Amino acid sequence: MLRSFFRILALFALALALVTAVLDITRSIADSAIVMTPLGVDWFNLSPSTLNLAQATIQRYVHPYVWDPVIQTVLLAPSWVVFGILWLLFALAGRRRKLRLQDRYGD
């Protein structure tokens, strides 16, 4: 059950990585320069109130230093990179383990 949940999350992360990569490629072609939109800019364009709410919540209830060096670094990374890493982590968490010969037939 948990494995299938991770597979679904991996599918959504892969879809978001592909969509954001296509958007950046389209913007790069239109501008004739390489454009890599950070995750924070995409999040702010989509919903600025939730970005401000997330910042206030993390700084108040977790710790202010978690927001500044950790989450700000993630928000400055390109969107497709962040979603690609999430896809990789979720795909690894949801993969089936290969049975080794010793596990199948014993020692």
PDB file of N, CA and C in Angstrom:
ATOM      1  N   MET A   1       0.819  -1.190   0.000  1.00  0.00           N
ATOM      2  CA  MET A   1       0.000   0.000   0.000  1.00  0.00           C
ATOM      3  C   MET A   1       0.863   1.254   0.000  1.00  0.00           C
ATOM      4  N   LEU A   2       1.851   1.273   0.865  1.00  0.00           N
ATOM      5  CA  LEU A   2       2.734   2.428   0.931  1.00  0.00           C
ATOM      6  C   LEU A   2       3.596   2.539  -0.329  1.00  0.00           C
ATOM      7  N   ARG A   3       3.974   1.384  -0.868  1.00  0.00           N
ATOM      8  CA  ARG A   3       4.772   1.372  -2.085  1.00  0.00           C
ATOM      9  C   ARG A   3       3.999   1.986  -3.251  1.00  0.00           C
ATOM     10  N   SER A   4       2.725   1.677  -3.363  1.00  0.00           N
ATOM     11  CA  SER A   4       1.921   2.250  -4.450  1.00  0.00           C
ATOM     12  C   SER A   4       1.706   3.753  -4.236  1.00  0.00           C
ATOM     13  N   PHE A   5       1.618   4.197  -2.996  1.00  0.00           N
ATOM     14  CA  PHE A   5       1.502   5.626  -2.709  1.00  0.00           C
ATOM     15  C   PHE A   5       2.750   6.368  -3.179  1.00  0.00           C
ATOM     16  N   PHE A   6       3.928   5.790  -2.921  1.00  0.00           N
ATOM     17  CA  PHE A   6       5.172   6.407  -3.381  1.00  0.00           C
ATOM     18  C   PHE A   6       5.253   6.409  -4.905  1.00  0.00           C
ATOM     19  N   ARG A   7       4.733   5.378  -5.537  1.00  0.00           N
ATOM     20  CA  ARG A   7       4.730   5.336  -7.001  1.00  0.00           C
ATOM     21  C   ARG A   7       3.830   6.430  -7.576  1.00  0.00           C
ATOM     22  N   ILE A   8       2.694   6.679  -6.959  1.00  0.00           N
ATOM     23  CA  ILE A   8       1.802   7.749  -7.421  1.00  0.00           C
ATOM     24  C   ILE A   8       2.462   9.105  -7.230  1.00  0.00           C
ATOM     25  N   LEU A   9       3.104   9.312  -6.076  1.00  0.00           N
ATOM     26  CA  LEU A   9       3.827  10.561  -5.846  1.00  0.00           C
ATOM     27  C   LEU A   9       4.967  10.731  -6.853  1.00  0.00           C
ATOM     28  N   ALA A  10       5.641   9.634  -7.192  1.00  0.00           N
ATOM     29  CA  ALA A  10       6.711   9.696  -8.192  1.00  0.00           C
ATOM     30  C   ALA A  10       6.152  10.078  -9.550  1.00  0.00           C
ATOM     31  N   LEU A  11       4.986   9.576  -9.885  1.00  0.00           N
ATOM     32  CA  LEU A  11       4.363   9.915 -11.162  1.00  0.00           C
ATOM     33  C   LEU A  11       4.020  11.401 -11.230  1.00  0.00           C
ATOM     34  N   PHE A  12       3.447  11.940 -10.163  1.00  0.00           N
ATOM     35  CA  PHE A  12       3.126  13.373 -10.126  1.00  0.00           C
ATOM     36  C   PHE A  12       4.393  14.230 -10.170  1.00  0.00           C
ATOM     37  N   ALA A  13       5.433  13.818  -9.449  1.00  0.00           N
ATOM     38  CA  ALA A  13       6.685  14.576  -9.458  1.00  0.00           C
ATOM     39  C   ALA A  13       7.321  14.554 -10.846  1.00  0.00           C
ATOM     40  N   LEU A  14       7.252  13.410 -11.524  1.00  0.00           N
ATOM     41  CA  LEU A  14       7.788  13.332 -12.883  1.00  0.00           C
ATOM     42  C   LEU A  14       6.992  14.218 -13.836  1.00  0.00           C
ATOM     43  N   ALA A  15       5.681  14.214 -13.695  1.00  0.00           N
ATOM     44  CA  ALA A  15       4.848  15.063 -14.550  1.00  0.00           C
ATOM     45  C   ALA A  15       5.171  16.540 -14.323  1.00  0.00           C
ATOM     46  N   LEU A  16       5.319  16.942 -13.075  1.00  0.00           N
ATOM     47  CA  LEU A  16       5.666  18.336 -12.782  1.00  0.00           C
ATOM     48  C   LEU A  16       7.058  18.692 -13.287  1.00  0.00           C
ATOM     49  N   ALA A  17       7.998  17.761 -13.183  1.00  0.00           N
ATOM     50  CA  ALA A  17       9.343  18.016 -13.697  1.00  0.00           C
ATOM     51  C   ALA A  17       9.320  18.202 -15.206  1.00  0.00           C
ATOM     52  N   LEU A  18       8.560  17.382 -15.902  1.00  0.00           N
ATOM     53  CA  LEU A  18       8.483  17.512 -17.353  1.00  0.00           C
ATOM     54  C   LEU A  18       7.785  18.795 -17.772  1.00  0.00           C
ATOM     55  N   VAL A  19       6.710  19.144 -17.095  1.00  0.00           N
ATOM     56  CA  VAL A  19       5.979  20.372 -17.446  1.00  0.00           C
ATOM     57  C   VAL A  19       6.849  21.598 -17.212  1.00  0.00           C
ATOM     58  N   THR A  20       7.520  21.665 -16.076  1.00  0.00           N
ATOM     59  CA  THR A  20       8.354  22.831 -15.801  1.00  0.00           C
ATOM     60  C   THR A  20       9.576  22.879 -16.721  1.00  0.00           C
ATOM     61  N   ALA A  21      10.102  21.718 -17.104  1.00  0.00           N
ATOM     62  CA  ALA A  21      11.222  21.701 -18.044  1.00  0.00           C
ATOM     63  C   ALA A  21      10.779  22.193 -19.420  1.00  0.00           C
ATOM     64  N   VAL A  22       9.596  21.774 -19.861  1.00  0.00           N
ATOM     65  CA  VAL A  22       9.085  22.233 -21.152  1.00  0.00           C
ATOM     66  C   VAL A  22       8.821  23.735 -21.117  1.00  0.00           C
ATOM     67  N   LEU A  23       8.298  24.237 -20.024  1.00  0.00           N
ATOM     68  CA  LEU A  23       8.086  25.682 -19.902  1.00  0.00           C
ATOM     69  C   LEU A  23       9.400  26.455 -19.959  1.00  0.00           C
ATOM     70  N   ASP A  24      10.420  25.953 -19.284  1.00  0.00           N
ATOM     71  CA  ASP A  24      11.718  26.625 -19.328  1.00  0.00           C
ATOM     72  C   ASP A  24      12.337  26.547 -20.721  1.00  0.00           C
ATOM     73  N   ILE A  25      12.184  25.423 -21.401  1.00  0.00           N
ATOM     74  CA  ILE A  25      12.705  25.302 -22.764  1.00  0.00           C
ATOM     75  C   ILE A  25      11.974  26.253 -23.693  1.00  0.00           C
ATOM     76  N   THR A  26      10.663  26.355 -23.531  1.00  0.00           N
ATOM     77  CA  THR A  26       9.880  27.267 -24.368  1.00  0.00           C
ATOM     78  C   THR A  26      10.294  28.718 -24.124  1.00  0.00           C
ATOM     79  N   ARG A  27      10.481  29.087 -22.870  1.00  0.00           N
ATOM     80  CA  ARG A  27      10.926  30.445 -22.553  1.00  0.00           C
ATOM     81  C   ARG A  27      12.332  30.706 -23.079  1.00  0.00           C
ATOM     82  N   SER A  28      13.186  29.690 -23.032  1.00  0.00           N
ATOM     83  CA  SER A  28      14.547  29.839 -23.545  1.00  0.00           C
ATOM     84  C   SER A  28      14.543  30.063 -25.050  1.00  0.00           C
ATOM     85  N   ILE A  29      13.694  29.345 -25.761  1.00  0.00           N
ATOM     86  CA  ILE A  29      13.607  29.523 -27.212  1.00  0.00           C
ATOM     87  C   ILE A  29      13.049  30.899 -27.540  1.00  0.00           C
ATOM     88  N   ALA A  30      12.047  31.331 -26.787  1.00  0.00           N
ATOM     89  CA  ALA A  30      11.430  32.635 -27.052  1.00  0.00           C
ATOM     90  C   ALA A  30      12.388  33.787 -26.746  1.00  0.00           C
ATOM     91  N   ASP A  31      13.202  33.640 -25.702  1.00  0.00           N
ATOM     92  CA  ASP A  31      14.122  34.712 -25.315  1.00  0.00           C
ATOM     93  C   ASP A  31      15.485  34.607 -25.975  1.00  0.00           C
ATOM     94  N   SER A  32      15.751  33.519 -26.664  1.00  0.00           N
ATOM     95  CA  SER A  32      17.065  33.248 -27.277  1.00  0.00           C
ATOM     96  C   SER A  32      18.178  33.266 -26.241  1.00  0.00           C
ATOM     97  N   ALA A  33      17.850  32.842 -25.040  1.00  0.00           N
ATOM     98  CA  ALA A  33      18.821  32.725 -23.945  1.00  0.00           C
ATOM     99  C   ALA A  33      18.332  31.617 -23.015  1.00  0.00           C
ATOM    100  N   ILE A  34      19.246  31.055 -22.259  1.00  0.00           N
ATOM    101  CA  ILE A  34      18.874  29.984 -21.355  1.00  0.00           C
ATOM    102  C   ILE A  34      18.099  30.562 -20.174  1.00  0.00           C
ATOM    103  N   VAL A  35      16.902  30.038 -19.945  1.00  0.00           N
ATOM    104  CA  VAL A  35      16.044  30.488 -18.847  1.00  0.00           C
ATOM    105  C   VAL A  35      15.766  29.290 -17.949  1.00  0.00           C
ATOM    106  N   MET A  36      16.109  29.425 -16.671  1.00  0.00           N
ATOM    107  CA  MET A  36      15.782  28.396 -15.689  1.00  0.00           C
ATOM    108  C   MET A  36      15.056  29.083 -14.536  1.00  0.00           C
ATOM    109  N   THR A  37      13.761  28.863 -14.464  1.00  0.00           N
ATOM    110  CA  THR A  37      12.934  29.525 -13.465  1.00  0.00           C
ATOM    111  C   THR A  37      13.075  28.822 -12.118  1.00  0.00           C
ATOM    112  N   PRO A  38      13.415  29.563 -11.066  1.00  0.00           N
ATOM    113  CA  PRO A  38      13.511  28.946  -9.744  1.00  0.00           C
ATOM    114  C   PRO A  38      12.136  28.507  -9.221  1.00  0.00           C
ATOM    115  N   LEU A  39      12.161  27.538  -8.333  1.00  0.00           N
ATOM    116  CA  LEU A  39      10.918  27.027  -7.750  1.00  0.00           C
ATOM    117  C   LEU A  39      10.182  28.118  -6.987  1.00  0.00           C
ATOM    118  N   GLY A  40      10.905  28.984  -6.303  1.00  0.00           N
ATOM    119  CA  GLY A  40      10.273  30.063  -5.544  1.00  0.00           C
ATOM    120  C   GLY A  40       9.504  31.027  -6.429  1.00  0.00           C
ATOM    121  N   VAL A  41      10.026  31.319  -7.611  1.00  0.00           N
ATOM    122  CA  VAL A  41       9.331  32.215  -8.539  1.00  0.00           C
ATOM    123  C   VAL A  41       8.067  31.546  -9.069  1.00  0.00           C
ATOM    124  N   ASP A  42       8.175  30.263  -9.410  1.00  0.00           N
ATOM    125  CA  ASP A  42       6.983  29.542  -9.875  1.00  0.00           C
ATOM    126  C   ASP A  42       5.918  29.475  -8.786  1.00  0.00           C
ATOM    127  N   TRP A  43       6.341  29.209  -7.550  1.00  0.00           N
ATOM    128  CA  TRP A  43       5.393  29.129  -6.451  1.00  0.00           C
ATOM    129  C   TRP A  43       4.761  30.499  -6.202  1.00  0.00           C
ATOM    130  N   PHE A  44       5.564  31.570  -6.253  1.00  0.00           N
ATOM    131  CA  PHE A  44       5.034  32.913  -6.034  1.00  0.00           C
ATOM    132  C   PHE A  44       4.049  33.303  -7.140  1.00  0.00           C
ATOM    133  N   ASN A  45       4.340  32.944  -8.378  1.00  0.00           N
ATOM    134  CA  ASN A  45       3.422  33.241  -9.476  1.00  0.00           C
ATOM    135  C   ASN A  45       2.124  32.450  -9.369  1.00  0.00           C
ATOM    136  N   LEU A  46       2.215  31.242  -8.826  1.00  0.00           N
ATOM    137  CA  LEU A  46       1.025  30.400  -8.687  1.00  0.00           C
ATOM    138  C   LEU A  46       0.159  30.827  -7.508  1.00  0.00           C
ATOM    139  N   SER A  47       0.769  31.031  -6.345  1.00  0.00           N
ATOM    140  CA  SER A  47       0.008  31.369  -5.146  1.00  0.00           C
ATOM    141  C   SER A  47       0.922  32.053  -4.116  1.00  0.00           C
ATOM    142  N   PRO A  48       1.013  33.373  -4.168  1.00  0.00           N
ATOM    143  CA  PRO A  48       1.918  34.059  -3.229  1.00  0.00           C
ATOM    144  C   PRO A  48       1.478  33.952  -1.773  1.00  0.00           C
ATOM    145  N   SER A  49       0.187  33.834  -1.534  1.00  0.00           N
ATOM    146  CA  SER A  49      -0.273  33.760  -0.142  1.00  0.00           C
ATOM    147  C   SER A  49       0.174  32.467   0.532  1.00  0.00           C
ATOM    148  N   THR A  50       0.190  31.347  -0.196  1.00  0.00           N
ATOM    149  CA  THR A  50       0.638  30.096   0.419  1.00  0.00           C
ATOM    150  C   THR A  50       2.141  30.090   0.649  1.00  0.00           C
ATOM    151  N   LEU A  51       2.892  30.776  -0.204  1.00  0.00           N
ATOM    152  CA  LEU A  51       4.332  30.891   0.027  1.00  0.00           C
ATOM    153  C   LEU A  51       4.600  31.685   1.301  1.00  0.00           C
ATOM    154  N   ASN A  52       3.900  32.783   1.487  1.00  0.00           N
ATOM    155  CA  ASN A  52       4.056  33.577   2.716  1.00  0.00           C
ATOM    156  C   ASN A  52       3.579  32.811   3.941  1.00  0.00           C
ATOM    157  N   LEU A  53       2.501  32.046   3.794  1.00  0.00           N
ATOM    158  CA  LEU A  53       2.005  31.233   4.901  1.00  0.00           C
ATOM    159  C   LEU A  53       3.002  30.147   5.274  1.00  0.00           C
ATOM    160  N   ALA A  54       3.601  29.507   4.272  1.00  0.00           N
ATOM    161  CA  ALA A  54       4.598  28.471   4.546  1.00  0.00           C
ATOM    162  C   ALA A  54       5.806  29.059   5.264  1.00  0.00           C
ATOM    163  N   GLN A  55       6.245  30.229   4.823  1.00  0.00           N
ATOM    164  CA  GLN A  55       7.389  30.873   5.475  1.00  0.00           C
ATOM    165  C   GLN A  55       7.072  31.213   6.929  1.00  0.00           C
ATOM    166  N   ALA A  56       5.915  31.813   7.169  1.00  0.00           N
ATOM    167  CA  ALA A  56       5.550  32.185   8.542  1.00  0.00           C
ATOM    168  C   ALA A  56       5.388  30.958   9.429  1.00  0.00           C
ATOM    169  N   THR A  57       4.795  29.910   8.904  1.00  0.00           N
ATOM    170  CA  THR A  57       4.574  28.697   9.690  1.00  0.00           C
ATOM    171  C   THR A  57       5.891  28.027  10.051  1.00  0.00           C
ATOM    172  N   ILE A  58       6.775  27.903   9.085  1.00  0.00           N
ATOM    173  CA  ILE A  58       8.057  27.242   9.355  1.00  0.00           C
ATOM    174  C   ILE A  58       8.909  28.073  10.299  1.00  0.00           C
ATOM    175  N   GLN A  59       8.924  29.370  10.109  1.00  0.00           N
ATOM    176  CA  GLN A  59       9.737  30.211  10.996  1.00  0.00           C
ATOM    177  C   GLN A  59       9.178  30.253  12.411  1.00  0.00           C
ATOM    178  N   ARG A  60       7.865  30.164  12.546  1.00  0.00           N
ATOM    179  CA  ARG A  60       7.274  30.245  13.878  1.00  0.00           C
ATOM    180  C   ARG A  60       7.289  28.904  14.601  1.00  0.00           C
ATOM    181  N   TYR A  61       6.913  27.822  13.922  1.00  0.00           N
ATOM    182  CA  TYR A  61       6.709  26.556  14.610  1.00  0.00           C
ATOM    183  C   TYR A  61       7.873  25.587  14.497  1.00  0.00           C
ATOM    184  N   VAL A  62       8.699  25.717  13.479  1.00  0.00           N
ATOM    185  CA  VAL A  62       9.832  24.802  13.365  1.00  0.00           C
ATOM    186  C   VAL A  62      11.080  25.505  13.904  1.00  0.00           C
ATOM    187  N   HIS A  63      11.670  26.370  13.098  1.00  0.00           N
ATOM    188  CA  HIS A  63      12.817  27.166  13.524  1.00  0.00           C
ATOM    189  C   HIS A  63      13.135  28.152  12.409  1.00  0.00           C
ATOM    190  N   PRO A  64      13.504  29.375  12.742  1.00  0.00           N
ATOM    191  CA  PRO A  64      13.812  30.353  11.684  1.00  0.00           C
ATOM    192  C   PRO A  64      14.991  29.950  10.794  1.00  0.00           C
ATOM    193  N   TYR A  65      15.949  29.214  11.359  1.00  0.00           N
ATOM    194  CA  TYR A  65      17.121  28.821  10.578  1.00  0.00           C
ATOM    195  C   TYR A  65      16.808  27.721   9.570  1.00  0.00           C
ATOM    196  N   VAL A  66      15.704  27.047   9.729  1.00  0.00           N
ATOM    197  CA  VAL A  66      15.315  26.039   8.734  1.00  0.00           C
ATOM    198  C   VAL A  66      14.882  26.732   7.455  1.00  0.00           C
ATOM    199  N   TRP A  67      14.202  27.859   7.577  1.00  0.00           N
ATOM    200  CA  TRP A  67      13.736  28.555   6.374  1.00  0.00           C
ATOM    201  C   TRP A  67      14.906  29.195   5.623  1.00  0.00           C
ATOM    202  N   ASP A  68      15.749  29.927   6.363  1.00  0.00           N
ATOM    203  CA  ASP A  68      16.761  30.741   5.684  1.00  0.00           C
ATOM    204  C   ASP A  68      17.792  29.910   4.924  1.00  0.00           C
ATOM    205  N   PRO A  69      18.574  29.048   5.518  1.00  0.00           N
ATOM    206  CA  PRO A  69      19.557  28.380   4.661  1.00  0.00           C
ATOM    207  C   PRO A  69      19.006  27.177   3.891  1.00  0.00           C
ATOM    208  N   VAL A  70      18.069  26.436   4.474  1.00  0.00           N
ATOM    209  CA  VAL A  70      17.657  25.169   3.863  1.00  0.00           C
ATOM    210  C   VAL A  70      16.597  25.379   2.789  1.00  0.00           C
ATOM    211  N   ILE A  71      15.461  25.902   3.169  1.00  0.00           N
ATOM    212  CA  ILE A  71      14.344  25.996   2.239  1.00  0.00           C
ATOM    213  C   ILE A  71      14.596  27.079   1.187  1.00  0.00           C
ATOM    214  N   GLN A  72      15.274  28.143   1.538  1.00  0.00           N
ATOM    215  CA  GLN A  72      15.597  29.157   0.536  1.00  0.00           C
ATOM    216  C   GLN A  72      16.520  28.603  -0.541  1.00  0.00           C
ATOM    217  N   THR A  73      17.412  27.718  -0.172  1.00  0.00           N
ATOM    218  CA  THR A  73      18.275  27.080  -1.159  1.00  0.00           C
ATOM    219  C   THR A  73      17.461  26.237  -2.128  1.00  0.00           C
ATOM    220  N   VAL A  74      16.472  25.517  -1.605  1.00  0.00           N
ATOM    221  CA  VAL A  74      15.599  24.704  -2.462  1.00  0.00           C
ATOM    222  C   VAL A  74      14.759  25.611  -3.356  1.00  0.00           C
ATOM    223  N   LEU A  75      14.272  26.725  -2.819  1.00  0.00           N
ATOM    224  CA  LEU A  75      13.438  27.632  -3.606  1.00  0.00           C
ATOM    225  C   LEU A  75      14.233  28.368  -4.689  1.00  0.00           C
ATOM    226  N   LEU A  76      15.534  28.463  -4.553  1.00  0.00           N
ATOM    227  CA  LEU A  76      16.360  29.108  -5.573  1.00  0.00           C
ATOM    228  C   LEU A  76      16.794  28.140  -6.678  1.00  0.00           C
ATOM    229  N   ALA A  77      16.592  26.849  -6.473  1.00  0.00           N
ATOM    230  CA  ALA A  77      16.946  25.858  -7.490  1.00  0.00           C
ATOM    231  C   ALA A  77      15.885  25.847  -8.594  1.00  0.00           C
ATOM    232  N   PRO A  78      16.263  25.467  -9.807  1.00  0.00           N
ATOM    233  CA  PRO A  78      15.267  25.384 -10.883  1.00  0.00           C
ATOM    234  C   PRO A  78      14.168  24.371 -10.545  1.00  0.00           C
ATOM    235  N   SER A  79      12.965  24.683 -10.964  1.00  0.00           N
ATOM    236  CA  SER A  79      11.807  23.852 -10.613  1.00  0.00           C
ATOM    237  C   SER A  79      11.960  22.421 -11.105  1.00  0.00           C
ATOM    238  N   TRP A  80      12.435  22.259 -12.343  1.00  0.00           N
ATOM    239  CA  TRP A  80      12.519  20.910 -12.892  1.00  0.00           C
ATOM    240  C   TRP A  80      13.555  20.072 -12.164  1.00  0.00           C
ATOM    241  N   VAL A  81      14.577  20.704 -11.619  1.00  0.00           N
ATOM    242  CA  VAL A  81      15.584  19.962 -10.851  1.00  0.00           C
ATOM    243  C   VAL A  81      14.989  19.468  -9.539  1.00  0.00           C
ATOM    244  N   VAL A  82      14.250  20.332  -8.853  1.00  0.00           N
ATOM    245  CA  VAL A  82      13.648  19.960  -7.570  1.00  0.00           C
ATOM    246  C   VAL A  82      12.642  18.829  -7.769  1.00  0.00           C
ATOM    247  N   PHE A  83      11.776  18.958  -8.771  1.00  0.00           N
ATOM    248  CA  PHE A  83      10.790  17.902  -9.017  1.00  0.00           C
ATOM    249  C   PHE A  83      11.450  16.636  -9.546  1.00  0.00           C
ATOM    250  N   GLY A  84      12.550  16.767 -10.271  1.00  0.00           N
ATOM    251  CA  GLY A  84      13.287  15.587 -10.730  1.00  0.00           C
ATOM    252  C   GLY A  84      13.911  14.826  -9.569  1.00  0.00           C
ATOM    253  N   ILE A  85      14.449  15.542  -8.603  1.00  0.00           N
ATOM    254  CA  ILE A  85      15.015  14.882  -7.419  1.00  0.00           C
ATOM    255  C   ILE A  85      13.910  14.222  -6.600  1.00  0.00           C
ATOM    256  N   LEU A  86      12.767  14.919  -6.472  1.00  0.00           N
ATOM    257  CA  LEU A  86      11.637  14.297  -5.761  1.00  0.00           C
ATOM    258  C   LEU A  86      11.169  13.039  -6.475  1.00  0.00           C
ATOM    259  N   TRP A  87      11.138  13.080  -7.807  1.00  0.00           N
ATOM    260  CA  TRP A  87      10.750  11.898  -8.576  1.00  0.00           C
ATOM    261  C   TRP A  87      11.697  10.744  -8.282  1.00  0.00           C
ATOM    262  N   LEU A  88      12.995  11.019  -8.282  1.00  0.00           N
ATOM    263  CA  LEU A  88      13.974   9.974  -8.030  1.00  0.00           C
ATOM    264  C   LEU A  88      13.812   9.380  -6.634  1.00  0.00           C
ATOM    265  N   LEU A  89      13.609  10.223  -5.639  1.00  0.00           N
ATOM    266  CA  LEU A  89      13.451   9.729  -4.265  1.00  0.00           C
ATOM    267  C   LEU A  89      12.176   8.911  -4.102  1.00  0.00           C
ATOM    268  N   PHE A  90      11.064   9.404  -4.657  1.00  0.00           N
ATOM    269  CA  PHE A  90       9.813   8.662  -4.559  1.00  0.00           C
ATOM    270  C   PHE A  90       9.863   7.367  -5.359  1.00  0.00           C
ATOM    271  N   ALA A  91      10.518   7.390  -6.512  1.00  0.00           N
ATOM    272  CA  ALA A  91      10.630   6.172  -7.321  1.00  0.00           C
ATOM    273  C   ALA A  91      11.482   5.126  -6.610  1.00  0.00           C
ATOM    274  N   LEU A  92      12.547   5.559  -5.955  1.00  0.00           N
ATOM    275  CA  LEU A  92      13.366   4.612  -5.197  1.00  0.00           C
ATOM    276  C   LEU A  92      12.616   4.065  -3.987  1.00  0.00           C
ATOM    277  N   ALA A  93      11.805   4.909  -3.361  1.00  0.00           N
ATOM    278  CA  ALA A  93      11.037   4.439  -2.201  1.00  0.00           C
ATOM    279  C   ALA A  93       9.929   3.482  -2.616  1.00  0.00           C
ATOM    280  N   GLY A  94       9.418   3.627  -3.834  1.00  0.00           N
ATOM    281  CA  GLY A  94       8.316   2.789  -4.273  1.00  0.00           C
ATOM    282  C   GLY A  94       8.696   1.618  -5.143  1.00  0.00           C
ATOM    283  N   ARG A  95       9.992   1.388  -5.342  1.00  0.00           N
ATOM    284  CA  ARG A  95      10.394   0.300  -6.237  1.00  0.00           C
ATOM    285  C   ARG A  95      10.287  -1.043  -5.541  1.00  0.00           C
ATOM    286  N   ARG A  96      10.170  -2.053  -6.373  1.00  0.00           N
ATOM    287  CA  ARG A  96      10.155  -3.417  -5.844  1.00  0.00           C
ATOM    288  C   ARG A  96      11.589  -3.899  -5.695  1.00  0.00           C
ATOM    289  N   ARG A  97      11.840  -4.554  -4.615  1.00  0.00           N
ATOM    290  CA  ARG A  97      13.170  -5.081  -4.374  1.00  0.00           C
ATOM    291  C   ARG A  97      13.340  -6.365  -5.189  1.00  0.00           C
ATOM    292  N   LYS A  98      14.483  -6.512  -5.829  1.00  0.00           N
ATOM    293  CA  LYS A  98      14.770  -7.739  -6.554  1.00  0.00           C
ATOM    294  C   LYS A  98      15.143  -8.823  -5.555  1.00  0.00           C
ATOM    295  N   LEU A  99      14.607  -9.989  -5.784  1.00  0.00           N
ATOM    296  CA  LEU A  99      14.962 -11.107  -4.920  1.00  0.00           C
ATOM    297  C   LEU A  99      16.304 -11.673  -5.353  1.00  0.00           C
ATOM    298  N   ARG A 100      17.147 -11.851  -4.411  1.00  0.00           N
ATOM    299  CA  ARG A 100      18.413 -12.486  -4.707  1.00  0.00           C
ATOM    300  C   ARG A 100      18.214 -13.984  -4.726  1.00  0.00           C
ATOM    301  N   LEU A 101      19.152 -14.686  -5.288  1.00  0.00           N
ATOM    302  CA  LEU A 101      19.042 -16.136  -5.389  1.00  0.00           C
ATOM    303  C   LEU A 101      19.008 -16.773  -4.007  1.00  0.00           C
ATOM    304  N   GLN A 102      19.757 -16.223  -3.061  1.00  0.00           N
ATOM    305  CA  GLN A 102      19.770 -16.764  -1.713  1.00  0.00           C
ATOM    306  C   GLN A 102      18.428 -16.532  -1.013  1.00  0.00           C
ATOM    307  N   ASP A 103      17.789 -15.421  -1.289  1.00  0.00           N
ATOM    308  CA  ASP A 103      16.491 -15.147  -0.672  1.00  0.00           C
ATOM    309  C   ASP A 103      15.423 -16.062  -1.227  1.00  0.00           C
ATOM    310  N   ARG A 104      15.536 -16.413  -2.489  1.00  0.00           N
ATOM    311  CA  ARG A 104      14.531 -17.248  -3.126  1.00  0.00           C
ATOM    312  C   ARG A 104      14.659 -18.711  -2.725  1.00  0.00           C
ATOM    313  N   TYR A 105      15.890 -19.221  -2.695  1.00  0.00           N
ATOM    314  CA  TYR A 105      16.092 -20.647  -2.451  1.00  0.00           C
ATOM    315  C   TYR A 105      16.781 -20.955  -1.134  1.00  0.00           C
ATOM    316  N   GLY A 106      17.140 -19.967  -0.387  1.00  0.00           N
ATOM    317  CA  GLY A 106      17.805 -20.185   0.881  1.00  0.00           C
ATOM    318  C   GLY A 106      19.289 -20.409   0.691  1.00  0.00           C
ATOM    319  N   ASP A 107      20.016 -20.550   1.791  1.00  0.00           N
ATOM    320  CA  ASP A 107      21.479 -20.737   1.707  1.00  0.00           C
ATOM    321  C   ASP A 107      21.832 -22.142   1.386  1.00  0.00           C
TER     322      ASP A 107
END
